[in-house]
Amino acid sequence: MMPRVRHETPRHDPGISPLMRNIIFIYLAASIIAITVLQFGGDPFAGLLLVLFALPWSLLVHSITGLLGFTSAALNLALLAIGVGINAAALYLLARWLRTRQSTR
């Protein structure tokens, strides 16, 4: 006689909708393009876009560099990239929360 295998019901994982996944992808792609153009092309418009993509965290860049006591373009770029990452993570978490809330109704 064969032993019985217990099958556990998988936990429901709502994930995120394809639309939100595309929005997050476009946001990250545009941010990476802005960083690349700013780094290698030196276009000031790309810097403006990057500052807008990293809002509200871009407002803290001046304060952080002031606390450190020095100003560096590389540090500013890194802080803006971190701000973009935080915003992308927030969008993902918001999309998961909305999907979970929608699936419980």
C-alpha atoms as a PDB file:
ATOM      1  CA  MET A   1       0.000   0.000   0.000  1.00  0.00           C
ATOM      2  CA  MET A   2       1.333   3.442  -0.949  1.00  0.00           C
ATOM      3  CA  PRO A   3       1.708   6.050   1.789  1.00  0.00           C
ATOM      4  CA  ARG A   4      -0.670   8.961   1.604  1.00  0.00           C
ATOM      5  CA  VAL A   5       0.773  12.342   0.734  1.00  0.00           C
ATOM      6  CA  ARG A   6      -0.766  15.289   2.474  1.00  0.00           C
ATOM      7  CA  HIS A   7      -1.538  18.098   0.120  1.00  0.00           C
ATOM      8  CA  GLU A   8      -1.634  21.450   1.758  1.00  0.00           C
ATOM      9  CA  THR A   9      -3.734  24.097   0.154  1.00  0.00           C
ATOM     10  CA  PRO A  10      -1.473  26.773  -1.262  1.00  0.00           C
ATOM     11  CA  ARG A  11      -1.642  30.181   0.324  1.00  0.00           C
ATOM     12  CA  HIS A  12      -3.469  32.632  -1.883  1.00  0.00           C
ATOM     13  CA  ASP A  13      -0.973  35.083  -3.342  1.00  0.00           C
ATOM     14  CA  PRO A  14      -2.788  37.967  -5.023  1.00  0.00           C
ATOM     15  CA  GLY A  15       0.330  39.405  -6.682  1.00  0.00           C
ATOM     16  CA  ILE A  16      -0.171  42.585  -8.646  1.00  0.00           C
ATOM     17  CA  SER A  17      -2.181  43.318 -11.751  1.00  0.00           C
ATOM     18  CA  PRO A  18      -0.469  43.348 -15.144  1.00  0.00           C
ATOM     19  CA  LEU A  19      -1.379  47.018 -15.552  1.00  0.00           C
ATOM     20  CA  MET A  20       0.404  48.011 -12.346  1.00  0.00           C
ATOM     21  CA  ARG A  21       3.353  45.803 -13.277  1.00  0.00           C
ATOM     22  CA  ASN A  22       3.631  47.693 -16.580  1.00  0.00           C
ATOM     23  CA  ILE A  23       3.336  51.071 -14.850  1.00  0.00           C
ATOM     24  CA  ILE A  24       6.134  50.176 -12.422  1.00  0.00           C
ATOM     25  CA  PHE A  25       8.264  48.862 -15.303  1.00  0.00           C
ATOM     26  CA  ILE A  26       7.774  52.061 -17.325  1.00  0.00           C
ATOM     27  CA  TYR A  27       8.582  54.175 -14.242  1.00  0.00           C
ATOM     28  CA  LEU A  28      11.803  52.253 -13.603  1.00  0.00           C
ATOM     29  CA  ALA A  29      12.785  52.259 -17.285  1.00  0.00           C
ATOM     30  CA  ALA A  30      12.253  56.021 -17.585  1.00  0.00           C
ATOM     31  CA  SER A  31      14.237  56.578 -14.389  1.00  0.00           C
ATOM     32  CA  ILE A  32      17.134  54.427 -15.597  1.00  0.00           C
ATOM     33  CA  ILE A  33      17.149  56.247 -18.933  1.00  0.00           C
ATOM     34  CA  ALA A  34      17.201  59.598 -17.100  1.00  0.00           C
ATOM     35  CA  ILE A  35      20.126  58.437 -14.931  1.00  0.00           C
ATOM     36  CA  THR A  36      22.021  57.156 -17.975  1.00  0.00           C
ATOM     37  CA  VAL A  37      21.457  60.311 -20.021  1.00  0.00           C
ATOM     38  CA  LEU A  38      22.449  62.489 -17.083  1.00  0.00           C
ATOM     39  CA  GLN A  39      25.555  60.440 -16.377  1.00  0.00           C
ATOM     40  CA  PHE A  40      26.834  60.052 -19.933  1.00  0.00           C
ATOM     41  CA  GLY A  41      25.105  62.778 -21.923  1.00  0.00           C
ATOM     42  CA  GLY A  42      25.063  65.559 -19.375  1.00  0.00           C
ATOM     43  CA  ASP A  43      21.617  66.744 -20.455  1.00  0.00           C
ATOM     44  CA  PRO A  44      20.175  68.984 -17.710  1.00  0.00           C
ATOM     45  CA  PHE A  45      16.628  68.003 -18.700  1.00  0.00           C
ATOM     46  CA  ALA A  46      17.409  64.419 -17.645  1.00  0.00           C
ATOM     47  CA  GLY A  47      18.456  65.748 -14.247  1.00  0.00           C
ATOM     48  CA  LEU A  48      15.148  67.550 -13.902  1.00  0.00           C
ATOM     49  CA  LEU A  49      13.249  64.392 -14.817  1.00  0.00           C
ATOM     50  CA  LEU A  50      15.272  62.397 -12.298  1.00  0.00           C
ATOM     51  CA  VAL A  51      14.509  64.917  -9.565  1.00  0.00           C
ATOM     52  CA  LEU A  52      10.803  64.669 -10.425  1.00  0.00           C
ATOM     53  CA  PHE A  53      10.896  60.850 -10.497  1.00  0.00           C
ATOM     54  CA  ALA A  54      12.550  60.793  -7.060  1.00  0.00           C
ATOM     55  CA  LEU A  55      10.099  63.173  -5.371  1.00  0.00           C
ATOM     56  CA  PRO A  56       9.600  63.581  -2.387  1.00  0.00           C
ATOM     57  CA  TRP A  57      12.998  62.061  -1.559  1.00  0.00           C
ATOM     58  CA  SER A  58      14.802  64.484  -3.881  1.00  0.00           C
ATOM     59  CA  LEU A  59      13.847  67.274  -1.490  1.00  0.00           C
ATOM     60  CA  LEU A  60      16.059  65.667   1.155  1.00  0.00           C
ATOM     61  CA  VAL A  61      19.210  65.459  -1.012  1.00  0.00           C
ATOM     62  CA  HIS A  62      20.386  68.954  -0.105  1.00  0.00           C
ATOM     63  CA  SER A  63      19.783  68.313   3.591  1.00  0.00           C
ATOM     64  CA  ILE A  64      21.678  65.017   3.542  1.00  0.00           C
ATOM     65  CA  THR A  65      24.667  66.457   1.707  1.00  0.00           C
ATOM     66  CA  GLY A  66      24.630  69.401   4.119  1.00  0.00           C
ATOM     67  CA  LEU A  67      24.766  67.019   7.081  1.00  0.00           C
ATOM     68  CA  LEU A  68      27.697  65.166   5.516  1.00  0.00           C
ATOM     69  CA  GLY A  69      29.541  68.429   4.989  1.00  0.00           C
ATOM     70  CA  PHE A  70      30.432  68.002   1.312  1.00  0.00           C
ATOM     71  CA  THR A  71      28.730  68.120  -2.056  1.00  0.00           C
ATOM     72  CA  SER A  72      29.320  65.539  -4.750  1.00  0.00           C
ATOM     73  CA  ALA A  73      27.513  64.951  -8.029  1.00  0.00           C
ATOM     74  CA  ALA A  74      27.976  61.189  -7.624  1.00  0.00           C
ATOM     75  CA  LEU A  75      26.472  61.311  -4.121  1.00  0.00           C
ATOM     76  CA  ASN A  76      23.522  63.356  -5.374  1.00  0.00           C
ATOM     77  CA  LEU A  77      22.966  60.884  -8.207  1.00  0.00           C
ATOM     78  CA  ALA A  78      23.151  57.936  -5.798  1.00  0.00           C
ATOM     79  CA  LEU A  79      20.669  59.565  -3.404  1.00  0.00           C
ATOM     80  CA  LEU A  80      18.271  60.268  -6.277  1.00  0.00           C
ATOM     81  CA  ALA A  81      18.586  56.650  -7.465  1.00  0.00           C
ATOM     82  CA  ILE A  82      17.777  55.474  -3.938  1.00  0.00           C
ATOM     83  CA  GLY A  83      14.715  57.753  -3.972  1.00  0.00           C
ATOM     84  CA  VAL A  84      13.569  56.208  -7.260  1.00  0.00           C
ATOM     85  CA  GLY A  85      13.999  52.742  -5.738  1.00  0.00           C
ATOM     86  CA  ILE A  86      11.962  53.694  -2.681  1.00  0.00           C
ATOM     87  CA  ASN A  87       9.191  55.064  -4.916  1.00  0.00           C
ATOM     88  CA  ALA A  88       9.170  51.897  -7.038  1.00  0.00           C
ATOM     89  CA  ALA A  89       8.940  49.747  -3.909  1.00  0.00           C
ATOM     90  CA  ALA A  90       6.109  51.933  -2.603  1.00  0.00           C
ATOM     91  CA  LEU A  91       4.234  51.547  -5.911  1.00  0.00           C
ATOM     92  CA  TYR A  92       4.670  47.771  -5.743  1.00  0.00           C
ATOM     93  CA  LEU A  93       3.454  47.584  -2.145  1.00  0.00           C
ATOM     94  CA  LEU A  94       0.488  49.822  -2.964  1.00  0.00           C
ATOM     95  CA  ALA A  95      -0.406  47.593  -5.925  1.00  0.00           C
ATOM     96  CA  ARG A  96      -0.220  44.461  -3.738  1.00  0.00           C
ATOM     97  CA  TRP A  97      -2.347  46.089  -1.054  1.00  0.00           C
ATOM     98  CA  LEU A  98      -4.961  47.146  -3.605  1.00  0.00           C
ATOM     99  CA  ARG A  99      -5.003  43.669  -5.164  1.00  0.00           C
ATOM    100  CA  THR A 100      -5.351  42.006  -1.735  1.00  0.00           C
ATOM    101  CA  ARG A 101      -8.136  44.370  -0.784  1.00  0.00           C
ATOM    102  CA  GLN A 102      -9.884  43.722  -4.085  1.00  0.00           C
ATOM    103  CA  SER A 103      -9.601  39.923  -3.721  1.00  0.00           C
ATOM    104  CA  THR A 104     -11.149  39.933  -0.233  1.00  0.00           C
ATOM    105  CA  ARG A 105     -14.325  41.617  -1.406  1.00  0.00           C
END
